[in-house]
Amino acid sequence: MPKETAVYTHGHHESVLRSHRWRTAANSAAYLIEGLRPGMSVLDVGCGPGTITADLAALVAPGRVTGIDTSREILDQAADVVTERGLDNVEFTTGDVNSLDFPDDSFDVVHAHQVLQHVGDPVQALREMRRVCRPGGIVAARDSDYAAMTWYPEIPGMDAWQNLYGRVARANGGEPDAGRRLLSWALRAGFTDITPTAASWCYATPESRAWWSGLWADRTVGSAYAERAVNGGQASTEELTAIAAAWRAWGTHEDAWFMVPHGEVLCRA
């Protein structure tokens, strides 16, 4: 199996995990929920801190859920989440979506949220997800689309953020506009029974825009993404500081609105 050629752009800085821990099955996997049943076995690829994983485990109990990620440290945090929720049907292990360490036909559902945008060969990743999914099972993927993100008001510096993020992500081997490509990737992976959909996150209340602007301001200057932007020559420290200030300025407007669109695919194995 091929090895990963992309680098995870965001890393696991606190500002990144602040966003990841907010995610739930309801706000990040609603397109999948209706297909889940008690007793199903689920593989959650790129599970991160485990909040979605834990929700999936509650929905399929007494079925079992396996969460995988490349970082042992983040899996320890995910294990704490399921312990706090009193779940006993979840296990976590390190793994690579390009070469899953499971036999063929191991799971009823294979799920990946915000993963395919960060891998070097998303078509191969989907093929591998299909391999470990039982015939008739579900392979589900959801990814955002950075070029389609939009906001109001038009604060100077926000366009610079959007452009910079795209350049950094592609330099790392990923595809930040993955959402619009999921259907194409699934077809190329060999799926023929695909349900494509779209959904969005919207940050427009005082609380949500303060949270969203703050975490992106912090991420722009303090995370692995910031280090990679500078080390890769895509931006200077001064430019990152200006972009972070633009994020904070946007968040102060009472009419500020931000939308994150997502592509989604439910594929029958």
C-alpha atoms as a PDB file:
ATOM      1  CA  MET A   1       0.000   0.000   0.000  1.00  0.00           C
ATOM      2  CA  PRO A   2       1.245   3.544  -0.680  1.00  0.00           C
ATOM      3  CA  LYS A   3       2.413   5.714   2.184  1.00  0.00           C
ATOM      4  CA  GLU A   4       1.017   9.145   2.943  1.00  0.00           C
ATOM      5  CA  THR A   5       2.643  11.897   0.909  1.00  0.00           C
ATOM      6  CA  ALA A   6       0.795  14.866   2.428  1.00  0.00           C
ATOM      7  CA  VAL A   7       1.479  16.719   5.662  1.00  0.00           C
ATOM      8  CA  TYR A   8      -1.380  17.541   8.050  1.00  0.00           C
ATOM      9  CA  THR A   9      -1.532  21.303   7.626  1.00  0.00           C
ATOM     10  CA  HIS A  10      -3.099  22.310  10.948  1.00  0.00           C
ATOM     11  CA  GLY A  11      -1.245  20.209  13.500  1.00  0.00           C
ATOM     12  CA  HIS A  12      -2.693  19.837  16.992  1.00  0.00           C
ATOM     13  CA  HIS A  13      -2.252  23.297  18.480  1.00  0.00           C
ATOM     14  CA  GLU A  14      -4.853  24.248  21.100  1.00  0.00           C
ATOM     15  CA  SER A  15      -6.532  26.601  18.608  1.00  0.00           C
ATOM     16  CA  VAL A  16      -7.047  23.644  16.255  1.00  0.00           C
ATOM     17  CA  LEU A  17      -8.384  21.332  18.945  1.00  0.00           C
ATOM     18  CA  ARG A  18     -10.689  24.126  20.123  1.00  0.00           C
ATOM     19  CA  SER A  19     -12.450  23.726  16.789  1.00  0.00           C
ATOM     20  CA  HIS A  20     -12.268  19.919  16.644  1.00  0.00           C
ATOM     21  CA  ARG A  21     -13.747  19.421  20.133  1.00  0.00           C
ATOM     22  CA  TRP A  22     -16.812  21.458  19.110  1.00  0.00           C
ATOM     23  CA  ARG A  23     -17.713  18.894  16.458  1.00  0.00           C
ATOM     24  CA  THR A  24     -20.545  16.441  17.064  1.00  0.00           C
ATOM     25  CA  ALA A  25     -22.381  13.880  14.995  1.00  0.00           C
ATOM     26  CA  ALA A  26     -25.289  16.336  14.829  1.00  0.00           C
ATOM     27  CA  ASN A  27     -23.294  19.275  13.445  1.00  0.00           C
ATOM     28  CA  SER A  28     -20.723  17.304  11.446  1.00  0.00           C
ATOM     29  CA  ALA A  29     -22.239  13.953  10.406  1.00  0.00           C
ATOM     30  CA  ALA A  30     -25.991  14.524  10.162  1.00  0.00           C
ATOM     31  CA  TYR A  31     -26.000  13.070   6.632  1.00  0.00           C
ATOM     32  CA  LEU A  32     -24.836   9.734   8.087  1.00  0.00           C
ATOM     33  CA  ILE A  33     -26.975   9.463  11.223  1.00  0.00           C
ATOM     34  CA  GLU A  34     -30.110   8.082   9.561  1.00  0.00           C
ATOM     35  CA  GLY A  35     -28.095   5.173   8.198  1.00  0.00           C
ATOM     36  CA  LEU A  36     -26.824   4.081  11.613  1.00  0.00           C
ATOM     37  CA  ARG A  37     -28.404   1.249  13.607  1.00  0.00           C
ATOM     38  CA  PRO A  38     -27.702  -0.334  17.005  1.00  0.00           C
ATOM     39  CA  GLY A  39     -25.249  -3.191  16.660  1.00  0.00           C
ATOM     40  CA  MET A  40     -23.331  -1.763  13.693  1.00  0.00           C
ATOM     41  CA  SER A  41     -19.534  -1.752  13.661  1.00  0.00           C
ATOM     42  CA  VAL A  42     -17.956   1.591  12.695  1.00  0.00           C
ATOM     43  CA  LEU A  43     -14.457   2.734  11.742  1.00  0.00           C
ATOM     44  CA  ASP A  44     -13.899   6.455  12.319  1.00  0.00           C
ATOM     45  CA  VAL A  45     -10.901   7.505  10.221  1.00  0.00           C
ATOM     46  CA  GLY A  46      -8.973  10.554  11.423  1.00  0.00           C
ATOM     47  CA  CYS A  47     -11.003  10.679  14.618  1.00  0.00           C
ATOM     48  CA  GLY A  48      -9.011  13.466  16.288  1.00  0.00           C
ATOM     49  CA  PRO A  49     -10.091  14.222  19.858  1.00  0.00           C
ATOM     50  CA  GLY A  50     -13.003  11.811  19.570  1.00  0.00           C
ATOM     51  CA  THR A  51     -16.129  13.913  20.034  1.00  0.00           C
ATOM     52  CA  ILE A  52     -17.767  12.674  16.827  1.00  0.00           C
ATOM     53  CA  THR A  53     -16.486   9.159  17.530  1.00  0.00           C
ATOM     54  CA  ALA A  54     -18.172   9.133  20.920  1.00  0.00           C
ATOM     55  CA  ASP A  55     -21.462  10.301  19.416  1.00  0.00           C
ATOM     56  CA  LEU A  56     -21.310   7.540  16.800  1.00  0.00           C
ATOM     57  CA  ALA A  57     -20.599   4.985  19.518  1.00  0.00           C
ATOM     58  CA  ALA A  58     -23.686   6.049  21.449  1.00  0.00           C
ATOM     59  CA  LEU A  59     -25.814   5.729  18.308  1.00  0.00           C
ATOM     60  CA  VAL A  60     -24.677   2.199  17.368  1.00  0.00           C
ATOM     61  CA  ALA A  61     -24.302   0.681  20.855  1.00  0.00           C
ATOM     62  CA  PRO A  62     -23.958  -2.200  21.592  1.00  0.00           C
ATOM     63  CA  GLY A  63     -22.076  -2.179  18.278  1.00  0.00           C
ATOM     64  CA  ARG A  64     -18.423  -1.240  18.440  1.00  0.00           C
ATOM     65  CA  VAL A  65     -16.572   1.795  17.103  1.00  0.00           C
ATOM     66  CA  THR A  66     -12.876   1.960  16.281  1.00  0.00           C
ATOM     67  CA  GLY A  67     -11.249   5.382  15.981  1.00  0.00           C
ATOM     68  CA  ILE A  68      -7.923   5.812  14.227  1.00  0.00           C
ATOM     69  CA  ASP A  69      -5.578   8.759  13.895  1.00  0.00           C
ATOM     70  CA  THR A  70      -1.902   9.246  13.151  1.00  0.00           C
ATOM     71  CA  SER A  71      -1.199  10.929  16.508  1.00  0.00           C
ATOM     72  CA  ARG A  72      -0.954   8.830  19.672  1.00  0.00           C
ATOM     73  CA  GLU A  73      -1.233  11.993  21.770  1.00  0.00           C
ATOM     74  CA  ILE A  74      -4.566  12.986  20.237  1.00  0.00           C
ATOM     75  CA  LEU A  75      -5.872   9.431  20.680  1.00  0.00           C
ATOM     76  CA  ASP A  76      -5.156   9.680  24.405  1.00  0.00           C
ATOM     77  CA  GLN A  77      -7.388  12.744  24.510  1.00  0.00           C
ATOM     78  CA  ALA A  78     -10.080  10.874  22.555  1.00  0.00           C
ATOM     79  CA  ALA A  79      -9.927   8.019  25.046  1.00  0.00           C
ATOM     80  CA  ASP A  80     -10.546  10.520  27.850  1.00  0.00           C
ATOM     81  CA  VAL A  81     -13.693  11.739  26.056  1.00  0.00           C
ATOM     82  CA  VAL A  82     -15.264   8.281  25.826  1.00  0.00           C
ATOM     83  CA  THR A  83     -14.285   7.530  29.437  1.00  0.00           C
ATOM     84  CA  GLU A  84     -15.952  10.742  30.616  1.00  0.00           C
ATOM     85  CA  ARG A  85     -19.120   9.737  28.729  1.00  0.00           C
ATOM     86  CA  GLY A  86     -19.130   6.248  30.206  1.00  0.00           C
ATOM     87  CA  LEU A  87     -18.864   4.497  26.834  1.00  0.00           C
ATOM     88  CA  ASP A  88     -17.415   0.992  26.764  1.00  0.00           C
ATOM     89  CA  ASN A  89     -17.821   0.164  23.056  1.00  0.00           C
ATOM     90  CA  VAL A  90     -14.966   2.285  21.637  1.00  0.00           C
ATOM     91  CA  GLU A  91     -11.316   1.569  21.005  1.00  0.00           C
ATOM     92  CA  PHE A  92      -8.584   3.767  19.541  1.00  0.00           C
ATOM     93  CA  THR A  93      -5.451   2.920  17.619  1.00  0.00           C
ATOM     94  CA  THR A  94      -2.967   4.663  15.361  1.00  0.00           C
ATOM     95  CA  GLY A  95      -3.481   4.139  11.647  1.00  0.00           C
ATOM     96  CA  ASP A  96      -3.049   5.461   8.105  1.00  0.00           C
ATOM     97  CA  VAL A  97      -6.062   5.693   5.776  1.00  0.00           C
ATOM     98  CA  ASN A  98      -3.840   4.766   2.848  1.00  0.00           C
ATOM     99  CA  SER A  99      -3.035   1.384   4.409  1.00  0.00           C
ATOM    100  CA  LEU A 100      -5.633   0.391   6.994  1.00  0.00           C
ATOM    101  CA  ASP A 101      -4.523  -2.375   9.333  1.00  0.00           C
ATOM    102  CA  PHE A 102      -7.811  -4.292   9.148  1.00  0.00           C
ATOM    103  CA  PRO A 103      -8.945  -7.281   7.080  1.00  0.00           C
ATOM    104  CA  ASP A 104     -11.311  -6.890   4.139  1.00  0.00           C
ATOM    105  CA  ASP A 105     -15.010  -6.467   5.026  1.00  0.00           C
ATOM    106  CA  SER A 106     -14.360  -5.573   8.693  1.00  0.00           C
ATOM    107  CA  PHE A 107     -16.911  -2.780   9.300  1.00  0.00           C
ATOM    108  CA  ASP A 108     -20.502  -1.873   8.510  1.00  0.00           C
ATOM    109  CA  VAL A 109     -19.647   1.828   8.295  1.00  0.00           C
ATOM    110  CA  VAL A 110     -16.372   3.593   7.492  1.00  0.00           C
ATOM    111  CA  HIS A 111     -16.480   7.317   8.218  1.00  0.00           C
ATOM    112  CA  ALA A 112     -14.044  10.174   7.586  1.00  0.00           C
ATOM    113  CA  HIS A 113     -14.675  13.790   8.554  1.00  0.00           C
ATOM    114  CA  GLN A 114     -12.315  16.478   7.212  1.00  0.00           C
ATOM    115  CA  VAL A 115      -9.735  13.849   6.277  1.00  0.00           C
ATOM    116  CA  LEU A 116      -9.581  13.561   2.483  1.00  0.00           C
ATOM    117  CA  GLN A 117      -8.543  17.204   2.061  1.00  0.00           C
ATOM    118  CA  HIS A 118      -5.339  16.375   3.933  1.00  0.00           C
ATOM    119  CA  VAL A 119      -4.194  13.208   2.123  1.00  0.00           C
ATOM    120  CA  GLY A 120      -1.997  12.984  -0.934  1.00  0.00           C
ATOM    121  CA  ASP A 121      -4.210  10.502  -2.800  1.00  0.00           C
ATOM    122  CA  PRO A 122      -7.857  10.783  -1.716  1.00  0.00           C
ATOM    123  CA  VAL A 123      -9.004   8.286  -4.364  1.00  0.00           C
ATOM    124  CA  GLN A 124      -6.676   5.639  -2.936  1.00  0.00           C
ATOM    125  CA  ALA A 125      -7.902   6.514   0.558  1.00  0.00           C
ATOM    126  CA  LEU A 126     -11.501   5.930  -0.518  1.00  0.00           C
ATOM    127  CA  ARG A 127     -10.544   2.615  -2.128  1.00  0.00           C
ATOM    128  CA  GLU A 128      -8.950   1.521   1.126  1.00  0.00           C
ATOM    129  CA  MET A 129     -11.998   2.624   3.105  1.00  0.00           C
ATOM    130  CA  ARG A 130     -14.115   0.572   0.710  1.00  0.00           C
ATOM    131  CA  ARG A 131     -11.867  -2.473   1.140  1.00  0.00           C
ATOM    132  CA  VAL A 132     -12.477  -2.663   4.888  1.00  0.00           C
ATOM    133  CA  CYS A 133     -16.221  -1.973   4.527  1.00  0.00           C
ATOM    134  CA  ARG A 134     -18.561  -4.952   4.275  1.00  0.00           C
ATOM    135  CA  PRO A 135     -20.537  -5.416   1.040  1.00  0.00           C
ATOM    136  CA  GLY A 136     -23.666  -3.278   1.297  1.00  0.00           C
ATOM    137  CA  GLY A 137     -22.098  -1.155   4.020  1.00  0.00           C
ATOM    138  CA  ILE A 138     -21.547   2.596   4.023  1.00  0.00           C
ATOM    139  CA  VAL A 139     -18.437   4.629   3.282  1.00  0.00           C
ATOM    140  CA  ALA A 140     -19.103   8.211   4.371  1.00  0.00           C
ATOM    141  CA  ALA A 141     -16.906  11.265   3.817  1.00  0.00           C
ATOM    142  CA  ARG A 142     -17.396  14.952   4.505  1.00  0.00           C
ATOM    143  CA  ASP A 143     -14.961  17.766   3.723  1.00  0.00           C
ATOM    144  CA  SER A 144     -15.035  21.528   3.705  1.00  0.00           C
ATOM    145  CA  ASP A 145     -14.265  23.680   0.671  1.00  0.00           C
ATOM    146  CA  TYR A 146     -12.013  26.634   1.440  1.00  0.00           C
ATOM    147  CA  ALA A 147     -12.420  28.556  -1.810  1.00  0.00           C
ATOM    148  CA  ALA A 148     -16.204  28.461  -1.334  1.00  0.00           C
ATOM    149  CA  MET A 149     -16.076  29.866   2.204  1.00  0.00           C
ATOM    150  CA  THR A 150     -17.623  33.307   2.341  1.00  0.00           C
ATOM    151  CA  TRP A 151     -18.118  36.037   4.887  1.00  0.00           C
ATOM    152  CA  TYR A 152     -19.386  39.522   5.576  1.00  0.00           C
ATOM    153  CA  PRO A 153     -18.255  42.255   6.009  1.00  0.00           C
ATOM    154  CA  GLU A 154     -15.279  42.289   3.638  1.00  0.00           C
ATOM    155  CA  ILE A 155     -12.472  43.036   6.054  1.00  0.00           C
ATOM    156  CA  PRO A 156      -9.075  43.780   4.462  1.00  0.00           C
ATOM    157  CA  GLY A 157      -6.825  40.813   5.140  1.00  0.00           C
ATOM    158  CA  MET A 158      -9.480  38.080   5.065  1.00  0.00           C
ATOM    159  CA  ASP A 159      -8.980  37.471   1.349  1.00  0.00           C
ATOM    160  CA  ALA A 160      -5.263  37.199   2.075  1.00  0.00           C
ATOM    161  CA  TRP A 161      -6.052  34.488   4.640  1.00  0.00           C
ATOM    162  CA  GLN A 162      -8.133  32.475   2.152  1.00  0.00           C
ATOM    163  CA  ASN A 163      -5.464  32.710  -0.530  1.00  0.00           C
ATOM    164  CA  LEU A 164      -2.634  31.873   1.870  1.00  0.00           C
ATOM    165  CA  TYR A 165      -4.367  28.863   3.363  1.00  0.00           C
ATOM    166  CA  GLY A 166      -4.933  27.376  -0.086  1.00  0.00           C
ATOM    167  CA  ARG A 167      -1.266  27.806  -1.004  1.00  0.00           C
ATOM    168  CA  VAL A 168       0.000  26.306   2.268  1.00  0.00           C
ATOM    169  CA  ALA A 169      -2.365  23.328   2.106  1.00  0.00           C
ATOM    170  CA  ARG A 170      -1.404  22.510  -1.483  1.00  0.00           C
ATOM    171  CA  ALA A 171       2.293  22.891  -0.696  1.00  0.00           C
ATOM    172  CA  ASN A 172       1.716  20.255   1.998  1.00  0.00           C
ATOM    173  CA  GLY A 173       0.247  17.875  -0.589  1.00  0.00           C
ATOM    174  CA  GLY A 174      -3.448  18.324   0.253  1.00  0.00           C
ATOM    175  CA  GLU A 175      -6.493  19.739  -1.544  1.00  0.00           C
ATOM    176  CA  PRO A 176      -8.266  22.441   0.499  1.00  0.00           C
ATOM    177  CA  ASP A 177     -11.227  22.581  -1.911  1.00  0.00           C
ATOM    178  CA  ALA A 178     -12.044  18.938  -1.293  1.00  0.00           C
ATOM    179  CA  GLY A 179     -15.770  19.381  -0.721  1.00  0.00           C
ATOM    180  CA  ARG A 180     -16.589  19.960  -4.396  1.00  0.00           C
ATOM    181  CA  ARG A 181     -14.413  16.997  -5.415  1.00  0.00           C
ATOM    182  CA  LEU A 182     -15.817  14.234  -3.182  1.00  0.00           C
ATOM    183  CA  LEU A 183     -18.261  12.907  -5.770  1.00  0.00           C
ATOM    184  CA  SER A 184     -15.552  12.829  -8.431  1.00  0.00           C
ATOM    185  CA  TRP A 185     -13.131  11.064  -6.094  1.00  0.00           C
ATOM    186  CA  ALA A 186     -15.762   8.501  -5.070  1.00  0.00           C
ATOM    187  CA  LEU A 187     -16.537   7.704  -8.716  1.00  0.00           C
ATOM    188  CA  ARG A 188     -12.840   7.289  -9.474  1.00  0.00           C
ATOM    189  CA  ALA A 189     -12.532   4.996  -6.443  1.00  0.00           C
ATOM    190  CA  GLY A 190     -15.055   2.660  -8.048  1.00  0.00           C
ATOM    191  CA  PHE A 191     -18.243   3.439  -6.166  1.00  0.00           C
ATOM    192  CA  THR A 192     -21.442   3.306  -8.221  1.00  0.00           C
ATOM    193  CA  ASP A 193     -24.108   3.860  -5.544  1.00  0.00           C
ATOM    194  CA  ILE A 194     -23.349   7.350  -4.219  1.00  0.00           C
ATOM    195  CA  THR A 195     -25.559   9.903  -2.502  1.00  0.00           C
ATOM    196  CA  PRO A 196     -23.863  13.336  -2.721  1.00  0.00           C
ATOM    197  CA  THR A 197     -25.088  16.157  -0.486  1.00  0.00           C
ATOM    198  CA  ALA A 198     -23.920  19.464   0.955  1.00  0.00           C
ATOM    199  CA  ALA A 199     -24.223  21.189   4.317  1.00  0.00           C
ATOM    200  CA  SER A 200     -22.683  24.157   6.063  1.00  0.00           C
ATOM    201  CA  TRP A 201     -21.560  25.630   9.334  1.00  0.00           C
ATOM    202  CA  CYS A 202     -22.543  29.232   9.964  1.00  0.00           C
ATOM    203  CA  TYR A 203     -20.982  31.566  12.538  1.00  0.00           C
ATOM    204  CA  ALA A 204     -23.079  34.691  13.008  1.00  0.00           C
ATOM    205  CA  THR A 205     -24.111  34.968  16.658  1.00  0.00           C
ATOM    206  CA  PRO A 206     -21.970  37.085  18.997  1.00  0.00           C
ATOM    207  CA  GLU A 207     -20.696  33.946  20.734  1.00  0.00           C
ATOM    208  CA  SER A 208     -19.979  31.888  17.631  1.00  0.00           C
ATOM    209  CA  ARG A 209     -18.236  34.626  15.661  1.00  0.00           C
ATOM    210  CA  ALA A 210     -16.065  35.528  18.667  1.00  0.00           C
ATOM    211  CA  TRP A 211     -15.124  31.851  19.001  1.00  0.00           C
ATOM    212  CA  TRP A 212     -14.484  31.352  15.277  1.00  0.00           C
ATOM    213  CA  SER A 213     -12.513  34.556  14.763  1.00  0.00           C
ATOM    214  CA  GLY A 214     -10.479  33.959  17.908  1.00  0.00           C
ATOM    215  CA  LEU A 215      -9.444  30.416  17.069  1.00  0.00           C
ATOM    216  CA  TRP A 216      -8.435  31.369  13.518  1.00  0.00           C
ATOM    217  CA  ALA A 217      -6.500  34.397  14.750  1.00  0.00           C
ATOM    218  CA  ASP A 218      -4.643  32.169  17.204  1.00  0.00           C
ATOM    219  CA  ARG A 219      -4.114  29.430  14.595  1.00  0.00           C
ATOM    220  CA  THR A 220      -2.708  31.944  12.108  1.00  0.00           C
ATOM    221  CA  VAL A 221       0.178  32.913  14.368  1.00  0.00           C
ATOM    222  CA  GLY A 222       0.661  29.977  16.769  1.00  0.00           C
ATOM    223  CA  SER A 223      -0.024  26.641  15.090  1.00  0.00           C
ATOM    224  CA  ALA A 224       1.835  24.218  12.826  1.00  0.00           C
ATOM    225  CA  TYR A 225       0.012  25.911   9.940  1.00  0.00           C
ATOM    226  CA  ALA A 226       1.751  29.185  10.857  1.00  0.00           C
ATOM    227  CA  GLU A 227       5.151  27.487  11.055  1.00  0.00           C
ATOM    228  CA  ARG A 228       4.651  25.815   7.689  1.00  0.00           C
ATOM    229  CA  ALA A 229       3.552  29.067   6.070  1.00  0.00           C
ATOM    230  CA  VAL A 230       6.727  30.816   7.221  1.00  0.00           C
ATOM    231  CA  ASN A 231       9.132  27.915   6.697  1.00  0.00           C
ATOM    232  CA  GLY A 232       7.688  27.250   3.243  1.00  0.00           C
ATOM    233  CA  GLY A 233       8.114  30.871   2.186  1.00  0.00           C
ATOM    234  CA  GLN A 234       4.388  31.476   1.671  1.00  0.00           C
ATOM    235  CA  ALA A 235       4.151  34.244   4.287  1.00  0.00           C
ATOM    236  CA  SER A 236       6.245  36.279   6.677  1.00  0.00           C
ATOM    237  CA  THR A 237       5.599  36.526  10.403  1.00  0.00           C
ATOM    238  CA  GLU A 238       4.457  40.106   9.840  1.00  0.00           C
ATOM    239  CA  GLU A 239       1.953  39.002   7.208  1.00  0.00           C
ATOM    240  CA  LEU A 240       0.551  36.347   9.532  1.00  0.00           C
ATOM    241  CA  THR A 241       0.198  38.921  12.303  1.00  0.00           C
ATOM    242  CA  ALA A 242      -1.763  41.181   9.942  1.00  0.00           C
ATOM    243  CA  ILE A 243      -4.062  38.306   8.924  1.00  0.00           C
ATOM    244  CA  ALA A 244      -4.679  37.421  12.573  1.00  0.00           C
ATOM    245  CA  ALA A 245      -5.607  41.047  13.227  1.00  0.00           C
ATOM    246  CA  ALA A 246      -8.032  40.926  10.300  1.00  0.00           C
ATOM    247  CA  TRP A 247      -9.724  37.883  11.834  1.00  0.00           C
ATOM    248  CA  ARG A 248     -10.119  39.685  15.161  1.00  0.00           C
ATOM    249  CA  ALA A 249     -11.434  42.807  13.427  1.00  0.00           C
ATOM    250  CA  TRP A 250     -14.017  40.755  11.535  1.00  0.00           C
ATOM    251  CA  GLY A 251     -15.192  39.192  14.798  1.00  0.00           C
ATOM    252  CA  THR A 252     -15.975  42.579  16.344  1.00  0.00           C
ATOM    253  CA  HIS A 253     -18.698  43.460  13.828  1.00  0.00           C
ATOM    254  CA  GLU A 254     -22.251  42.942  15.068  1.00  0.00           C
ATOM    255  CA  ASP A 255     -23.361  41.926  11.583  1.00  0.00           C
ATOM    256  CA  ALA A 256     -20.416  39.573  10.935  1.00  0.00           C
ATOM    257  CA  TRP A 257     -21.372  36.308   9.196  1.00  0.00           C
ATOM    258  CA  PHE A 258     -19.201  33.400   8.058  1.00  0.00           C
ATOM    259  CA  MET A 259     -20.176  30.228   6.191  1.00  0.00           C
ATOM    260  CA  VAL A 260     -18.153  27.034   5.848  1.00  0.00           C
ATOM    261  CA  PRO A 261     -19.636  24.824   3.079  1.00  0.00           C
ATOM    262  CA  HIS A 262     -19.084  21.062   3.010  1.00  0.00           C
ATOM    263  CA  GLY A 263     -19.411  18.376   0.410  1.00  0.00           C
ATOM    264  CA  GLU A 264     -20.650  14.970   1.610  1.00  0.00           C
ATOM    265  CA  VAL A 265     -20.878  11.516   0.058  1.00  0.00           C
ATOM    266  CA  LEU A 266     -22.592   8.348   1.263  1.00  0.00           C
ATOM    267  CA  CYS A 267     -21.240   5.469  -0.772  1.00  0.00           C
ATOM    268  CA  ARG A 268     -22.567   1.909  -0.744  1.00  0.00           C
ATOM    269  CA  ALA A 269     -19.749  -0.588  -0.727  1.00  0.00           C
END
